[in-house]
Amino acid sequence: MAIFLTKDSKIIVQGMTGSEGMKHTRNMLRNGSQIVGGVNPKKGGQKVDVEGTEVPVFATVKEAMEATGADVTVIFVPPAFAKSAIIEAVDAEIPLAVVITEGIPVHDATGAYAYSVGKKTRIIGPNCPGIQTPGASSAGIIPNISGSGKVGLVSKSGTLTYQMMYELREYGISTAVGIGGDPVIGTTHIDCLEAFEADPETAAIVMIGEIGGDAEERAAEYIKANVTKPVVGYVAGFMAPEGKTMGHAGAIVSGSAGTAQAKKEALEAAGVKVGKTPSEAADLMKEIMKNL
């Protein structure tokens, strides 16, 4: 079992023929993903050799879906064209759109997200590493780090996603979801917590957040009311000075709102064990897994 992405997922890549799109398409294929096509309006009808596999390129997402049965798209287009690429995916009603592109203007991200509300496409990202179900499929840029297991992972940070997968490799990951750290994103911590709670193969959950906003506080309320599985948390930015933007555009602190300490307290009040470092959080999860 997994959430959102399985071995049967058929993936297309918007922007596959660009340098980043091609590099990561190769990596996804090495991770066992079913890459069934690329999308480039100027190169429809061509075929591209990727790791010895001949992959067709289509002019539109809709055309690619009709020809291949694709149900996932990974978006690697430049920031200026990302909004239209997301809207095209939503109009085609593809079930999952993973938006890797960083640097999308907030106005564009807001417009694309608002357009998707109430429609059939789940958006992960933007500015995220994507999603991986180890041993089954990978949609995005997550390396092959961990085998399959029973720990679900949802994270705002790409690099901390990788570190946590590495630290928990002896137990394995059911699905790792990098949701991105921008102010406006599609899939949230709460969406993933709900899915992991419903997944019979996920026994425990790691949730990685960071300073800024109130997403972690809202997740804490959700956990308290709805999640029965053990949850371990980590909040990046304990040493961040007030009023300074740290890394992601969404990670800005104003007064006590959005601080790592405030988020830690909210999570602990909901029964979540919170590490002060990523390794400490991993150790807390290892103890839980030993006793399950």
Protein backbone atom coordinates (compact mmCIF):
# COMPACT_ATOMS: atom_id res chain seq x y z
CA MET A 1 0.00 0.00 0.00
CA ALA A 2 0.98 3.65 -0.37
CA ILE A 3 -0.60 7.09 -0.58
CA PHE A 4 -1.15 8.98 -3.85
CA LEU A 5 1.51 7.03 -5.84
CA THR A 6 1.77 3.28 -6.53
CA LYS A 7 3.65 0.88 -8.78
CA ASP A 8 0.73 1.13 -11.22
CA SER A 9 0.95 4.93 -11.56
CA LYS A 10 1.58 6.05 -15.13
CA ILE A 11 3.64 9.22 -15.22
CA ILE A 12 4.08 11.94 -17.84
CA VAL A 13 6.59 14.77 -17.53
CA GLN A 14 5.74 18.33 -18.56
CA GLY A 15 9.07 19.79 -19.63
CA MET A 16 10.72 16.38 -20.07
CA THR A 17 12.85 17.51 -23.00
CA GLY A 18 14.54 20.29 -20.99
CA SER A 19 17.82 19.58 -19.19
CA GLU A 20 16.33 19.30 -15.68
CA GLY A 21 13.29 17.40 -16.89
CA MET A 22 15.42 14.89 -18.78
CA LYS A 23 17.90 14.39 -15.92
CA HIS A 24 15.16 13.62 -13.43
CA THR A 25 13.13 11.55 -15.89
CA ARG A 26 16.19 9.29 -16.08
CA ASN A 27 16.32 9.09 -12.30
CA MET A 28 12.61 8.31 -12.04
CA LEU A 29 13.01 5.47 -14.54
CA ARG A 30 15.95 4.11 -12.51
CA ASN A 31 13.67 4.16 -9.45
CA GLY A 32 11.16 1.93 -11.21
CA SER A 33 8.64 4.55 -12.26
CA GLN A 34 6.43 3.99 -15.29
CA ILE A 35 7.27 7.03 -17.45
CA VAL A 36 4.83 6.84 -20.35
CA GLY A 37 5.36 10.19 -22.04
CA GLY A 38 6.60 13.76 -22.05
CA VAL A 39 4.77 16.98 -22.88
CA ASN A 40 6.16 19.84 -24.94
CA PRO A 41 3.87 21.90 -27.21
CA LYS A 42 6.70 22.40 -29.71
CA LYS A 43 7.84 18.78 -29.87
CA GLY A 44 4.60 16.77 -30.03
CA GLY A 45 4.98 13.65 -32.14
CA GLN A 46 8.68 13.16 -31.42
CA LYS A 47 10.19 10.30 -29.46
CA VAL A 48 13.09 10.58 -27.03
CA ASP A 49 15.48 7.86 -25.90
CA VAL A 50 15.65 7.84 -22.09
CA GLU A 51 17.80 5.18 -20.44
CA GLY A 52 17.21 2.88 -23.41
CA THR A 53 13.45 3.44 -23.30
CA GLU A 54 11.79 5.24 -26.22
CA VAL A 55 9.42 7.77 -24.66
CA PRO A 56 6.86 9.60 -26.84
CA VAL A 57 6.42 13.38 -26.55
CA PHE A 58 2.93 14.87 -26.80
CA ALA A 59 1.81 18.42 -27.46
CA THR A 60 -0.66 18.56 -24.56
CA VAL A 61 -1.41 16.81 -21.28
CA LYS A 62 -4.84 15.78 -22.54
CA GLU A 63 -3.31 14.18 -25.64
CA ALA A 64 -0.76 12.34 -23.48
CA MET A 65 -3.46 11.04 -21.14
CA GLU A 66 -5.64 9.82 -24.01
CA ALA A 67 -2.72 8.00 -25.63
CA THR A 68 -1.11 6.48 -22.54
CA GLY A 69 -3.66 6.37 -19.70
CA ALA A 70 -1.37 8.58 -17.60
CA ASP A 71 -2.66 9.48 -14.13
CA VAL A 72 0.32 11.50 -12.80
CA THR A 73 2.16 14.48 -14.26
CA VAL A 74 5.46 15.91 -13.01
CA ILE A 75 5.96 19.57 -13.93
CA PHE A 76 9.49 20.80 -14.70
CA VAL A 77 8.66 23.94 -16.67
CA PRO A 78 10.27 27.36 -15.97
CA PRO A 79 8.54 29.61 -13.39
CA ALA A 80 7.05 31.97 -15.99
CA PHE A 81 5.12 29.12 -17.62
CA ALA A 82 4.28 27.09 -14.52
CA LYS A 83 0.82 28.57 -13.91
CA SER A 84 -0.35 27.70 -17.43
CA ALA A 85 1.20 24.21 -17.14
CA ILE A 86 -0.66 23.56 -13.89
CA ILE A 87 -3.94 24.85 -15.33
CA GLU A 88 -3.47 22.65 -18.39
CA ALA A 89 -3.04 19.61 -16.12
CA VAL A 90 -6.15 20.56 -14.11
CA ASP A 91 -8.20 21.07 -17.29
CA ALA A 92 -7.13 17.60 -18.47
CA GLU A 93 -8.36 16.21 -15.10
CA ILE A 94 -5.20 14.26 -14.39
CA PRO A 95 -5.52 12.89 -10.84
CA LEU A 96 -2.09 14.01 -9.55
CA ALA A 97 0.14 16.93 -10.57
CA VAL A 98 3.56 17.17 -8.90
CA VAL A 99 4.99 20.67 -9.35
CA ILE A 100 8.78 20.68 -8.91
CA THR A 101 9.39 24.21 -10.24
CA GLU A 102 10.68 26.73 -7.72
CA GLY A 103 10.49 30.50 -7.97
CA ILE A 104 6.89 30.60 -9.18
CA PRO A 105 5.46 34.08 -8.36
CA VAL A 106 3.06 33.87 -5.41
CA HIS A 107 0.37 35.51 -7.52
CA ASP A 108 0.69 32.76 -10.12
CA ALA A 109 0.74 29.98 -7.50
CA THR A 110 -2.36 31.46 -5.86
CA GLY A 111 -4.16 31.65 -9.20
CA ALA A 112 -3.29 28.08 -10.14
CA TYR A 113 -4.31 26.73 -6.73
CA ALA A 114 -7.60 28.68 -6.76
CA TYR A 115 -8.31 27.33 -10.24
CA SER A 116 -7.83 23.75 -9.01
CA VAL A 117 -10.20 23.98 -6.04
CA GLY A 118 -13.21 21.71 -6.51
CA LYS A 119 -11.66 20.00 -9.54
CA LYS A 120 -10.25 16.49 -9.91
CA THR A 121 -6.50 17.15 -9.75
CA ARG A 122 -4.47 16.90 -6.55
CA ILE A 123 -1.48 19.27 -6.65
CA ILE A 124 1.72 18.52 -4.74
CA GLY A 125 4.04 21.52 -4.52
CA PRO A 126 5.21 23.81 -6.00
CA ASN A 127 8.89 24.11 -5.08
CA CYS A 128 9.00 20.58 -3.73
CA PRO A 129 10.99 17.37 -4.26
CA GLY A 130 7.86 15.41 -5.15
CA ILE A 131 6.66 12.05 -3.90
CA GLN A 132 8.22 8.59 -3.69
CA THR A 133 6.85 5.21 -2.74
CA PRO A 134 10.11 3.25 -2.35
CA GLY A 135 10.29 0.10 -4.39
CA ALA A 136 7.27 1.12 -6.43
CA SER A 137 7.45 4.57 -8.03
CA SER A 138 8.93 8.03 -7.79
CA ALA A 139 7.47 11.28 -9.16
CA GLY A 140 9.90 14.14 -8.76
CA ILE A 141 13.54 14.47 -7.70
CA ILE A 142 13.78 12.29 -4.57
CA PRO A 143 16.84 10.00 -4.82
CA ASN A 144 16.73 6.28 -4.19
CA ILE A 145 17.55 6.38 -0.45
CA SER A 146 15.29 4.02 1.48
CA GLY A 147 13.53 0.74 0.92
CA SER A 148 9.86 0.10 1.47
CA GLY A 149 8.58 0.09 5.05
CA LYS A 150 5.88 1.25 7.41
CA VAL A 151 6.88 4.85 8.20
CA GLY A 152 4.95 7.57 6.40
CA LEU A 153 6.84 10.84 5.84
CA VAL A 154 5.48 14.31 5.03
CA SER A 155 7.88 17.25 4.87
CA LYS A 156 8.08 20.91 3.90
CA SER A 157 11.80 20.57 3.22
CA GLY A 158 13.38 18.61 0.39
CA THR A 159 16.77 18.05 1.98
CA LEU A 160 15.23 17.08 5.31
CA THR A 161 13.03 14.59 3.44
CA TYR A 162 16.21 12.96 2.15
CA GLN A 163 17.91 13.01 5.55
CA MET A 164 14.93 11.45 7.32
CA MET A 165 14.62 8.73 4.68
CA TYR A 166 18.32 7.95 5.18
CA GLU A 167 18.12 7.93 8.97
CA LEU A 168 15.09 5.62 8.94
CA ARG A 169 16.32 3.34 6.14
CA GLU A 170 16.51 0.32 8.47
CA TYR A 171 12.74 0.55 8.94
CA GLY A 172 11.80 1.81 5.49
CA ILE A 173 9.26 4.31 4.18
CA SER A 174 5.71 3.63 2.98
CA THR A 175 5.50 6.93 1.07
CA ALA A 176 7.54 10.13 1.35
CA VAL A 177 5.74 13.34 0.34
CA GLY A 178 7.62 16.60 -0.02
CA ILE A 179 4.88 19.21 0.06
CA GLY A 180 7.09 22.29 -0.45
CA GLY A 181 7.66 25.34 1.71
CA ASP A 182 6.14 28.15 -0.35
CA PRO A 183 3.34 30.31 1.11
CA VAL A 184 0.80 28.75 -1.28
CA ILE A 185 0.90 24.97 -1.84
CA GLY A 186 -1.56 22.32 -2.92
CA THR A 187 -1.37 19.21 -0.72
CA THR A 188 -0.86 20.02 2.98
CA HIS A 189 0.41 18.24 6.08
CA ILE A 190 -3.22 17.55 6.99
CA ASP A 191 -3.98 15.95 3.60
CA CYS A 192 -1.05 13.57 4.07
CA LEU A 193 -1.86 12.83 7.71
CA GLU A 194 -5.40 11.87 6.67
CA ALA A 195 -4.08 9.59 3.92
CA PHE A 196 -1.47 7.94 6.15
CA GLU A 197 -4.05 7.36 8.88
CA ALA A 198 -6.23 5.54 6.33
CA ASP A 199 -3.34 3.50 4.86
CA PRO A 200 -3.20 0.07 6.58
CA GLU A 201 0.49 -0.37 5.66
CA THR A 202 1.62 2.84 7.38
CA ALA A 203 2.24 2.19 11.08
CA ALA A 204 3.70 5.55 12.14
CA ILE A 205 4.19 9.04 10.70
CA VAL A 206 7.01 11.59 10.63
CA MET A 207 5.95 15.19 10.01
CA ILE A 208 8.61 17.79 9.20
CA GLY A 209 7.66 21.46 9.32
CA GLU A 210 9.48 24.74 9.54
CA ILE A 211 9.10 28.23 10.92
CA GLY A 212 6.53 30.61 9.47
CA GLY A 213 2.77 30.45 9.04
CA ASP A 214 0.46 28.25 11.08
CA ALA A 215 0.36 25.02 9.06
CA GLU A 216 1.98 22.98 11.82
CA GLU A 217 -0.41 24.34 14.46
CA ARG A 218 -3.37 23.39 12.26
CA ALA A 219 -1.84 19.97 11.71
CA ALA A 220 -1.50 19.57 15.48
CA GLU A 221 -5.23 20.25 15.93
CA TYR A 222 -5.98 17.68 13.21
CA ILE A 223 -3.72 15.06 14.81
CA LYS A 224 -5.34 15.54 18.20
CA ALA A 225 -8.82 15.01 16.75
CA ASN A 226 -8.24 12.43 14.02
CA VAL A 227 -4.92 10.55 14.07
CA THR A 228 -4.53 7.34 16.09
CA LYS A 229 -1.08 6.33 14.80
CA PRO A 230 2.13 7.53 16.48
CA VAL A 231 3.44 10.80 15.06
CA VAL A 232 6.94 12.24 15.43
CA GLY A 233 7.62 15.84 14.47
CA TYR A 234 10.52 18.13 13.69
CA VAL A 235 10.32 21.87 13.07
CA ALA A 236 13.23 23.46 11.22
CA GLY A 237 14.36 26.89 12.36
CA PHE A 238 14.83 26.81 16.13
CA MET A 239 17.78 29.23 15.79
CA ALA A 240 16.13 31.56 13.24
CA PRO A 241 16.15 35.25 14.26
CA GLU A 242 12.81 37.07 14.43
CA GLY A 243 11.69 38.84 11.26
CA LYS A 244 14.15 37.10 8.93
CA THR A 245 13.09 34.99 5.97
CA MET A 246 14.87 31.62 6.13
CA GLY A 247 15.21 29.60 2.93
CA HIS A 248 11.67 29.00 1.76
CA ALA A 249 9.50 32.01 1.02
CA GLY A 250 6.94 30.81 3.56
CA ALA A 251 9.44 30.60 6.43
CA ILE A 252 9.19 34.00 8.06
CA VAL A 253 8.57 34.69 11.73
CA SER A 254 6.64 37.63 13.18
CA GLY A 255 6.88 37.92 16.96
CA SER A 256 5.93 34.63 18.58
CA ALA A 257 3.69 33.59 15.67
CA GLY A 258 5.27 30.93 13.51
CA THR A 259 8.26 30.21 15.74
CA ALA A 260 9.70 26.72 16.01
CA GLN A 261 9.06 26.75 19.78
CA ALA A 262 5.39 27.65 19.35
CA LYS A 263 4.94 24.90 16.77
CA LYS A 264 6.77 22.40 18.99
CA GLU A 265 4.48 23.20 21.90
CA ALA A 266 1.35 22.87 19.75
CA LEU A 267 2.48 19.50 18.42
CA GLU A 268 3.44 18.18 21.86
CA ALA A 269 0.05 19.26 23.22
CA ALA A 270 -1.47 16.99 20.55
CA GLY A 271 0.63 14.01 21.70
CA VAL A 272 3.33 14.33 19.05
CA LYS A 273 6.92 13.59 20.08
CA VAL A 274 9.08 16.42 18.72
CA GLY A 275 12.83 16.26 18.15
CA LYS A 276 15.01 19.38 18.46
CA THR A 277 17.16 18.09 15.56
CA PRO A 278 16.37 15.84 12.59
CA SER A 279 18.48 13.05 14.07
CA GLU A 280 16.70 13.32 17.41
CA ALA A 281 13.36 13.06 15.62
CA ALA A 282 14.64 9.98 13.77
CA ASP A 283 15.72 8.42 17.06
CA LEU A 284 12.26 9.03 18.53
CA MET A 285 10.73 7.23 15.53
CA LYS A 286 13.18 4.34 15.83
CA GLU A 287 12.07 3.81 19.44
CA ILE A 288 8.44 3.79 18.36
CA MET A 289 9.11 1.30 15.56
CA LYS A 290 11.03 -1.03 17.89
CA ASN A 291 7.96 -1.28 20.11
CA LEU A 292 5.31 -1.68 17.41
